[in-house]
Amino acid sequence: MRLIAPLSPETTKLLWRIYRQSNRFAIRQRAHCILLSAQGMSIGQLMQIFDVSRKTIHNWFVAWESQKLVGLCDRAGRGRKATFTPEQQEQIKQWVNESPKQLKRVLQNIEEEWKIKVSKDTIKRVVKSLSMIWRRVRRVVGGKPTEQEYREKQQQLNELLEQEKQGKIDLRYLDESGFSMTPTVPYAWQEKGTGLSLPSQRSKRLNVVGLMNRNNDLSAYVFERSITSAVILACIDDFARQSNKPTVIVMDQASIHTSQMIQDKLEQWKNQQVEIFQLPPYSPQLNLIEILWRFMKYEWIELNAYESWESLVSYVEKVLRDFGSTYVINFA
């Protein structure tokens, strides 16, 4: 009966540690086998314990006797060979980028180009190994301003911001947003194995027009009707009557903000010390009030707000009323 030669206390201790803590199953298995053999267990018993052949046990013994601890590890080159070469993997990545939603098309390219037939799961593993992930595609605005226009507007906006810091003007950001019983799904902590849910139903839409500054001062107007140029005009008119210092209103170039009805009021508002600053097109990141809408829909939203139309209206009105005290955004 062949047995492993007696082990020193130090080697025994190290093998036990490898058996308990190694991340590799094969290494743990071989370390355990050496320990049991050194304790007098026969090859037949080891074959039963590890469910392997006599030749496998023999190979483990030979590797241990010739290489000791290094013999517990697989030799380089062992195991299943990669289906694709590094160059082929880069080509697969390029095909996936060209057809990010159509892996079947990638499979066809692989079979036509290299005569290799693999499953979709294999391709998924390959693209994951290339640092690609499956996630929702982001929606973005449908265009972008010219670089020169964007730089010029950004510089002008920075100059207005300096005037606001010096107390010379009130810099307000205007925009509108809508709320309905179809929820914008927020993130929330949930117990494993359970899930929070939000009721969703069709409903009318609660629209809000807001004029906000960086000091969390907000003038808000709530409507259960569509927002038109006439509504925007009425909101600015009301705000202008209450304004007590020179004010610049920043807003985007939506059609309801640039209509002839609005253009005809610019001179009157200017006489009331209220001027309009138009942002470059496709630049929502420059309008700070967009942050307020995100907070209202994702951060501050209470799950019971979607229980009924009345609870949704109550939530929106509460945030608008308490913005600047209970609800605060740090724009520093």
Foldseek 3Di string as FASTA:
>chain_A
DDAQAADDPVLLVVLVCCLPDPPDPQLNLLSVLNNVRNVPDDLVVNCVVVVDDSVVSVQSRVLCVVPNSVSSDDDPPDDDDDPDDPVVLVVLLVVCVVVVPCVVVSQVCCCVPPVDHDDSVSSVVSVVVVVDDDDDDDDADPDDFDPVQQVVLVVVVVVVVVCVVVVQEFEKEKDKDKDFLAAPDADDDDDPPDDDDADHDDDQIKMKIWIAGQLQDIDIDIDSDDDALVNVVVSLVVVLVVDDHQYEYEYEVDCSCPDVVNVVCQVVSVVSNYHYRYHGPRCCVVRVCVVVVCCLRYPPDDRCCSVDPVSVVVSVVVCNVCGNPPNDDNPD
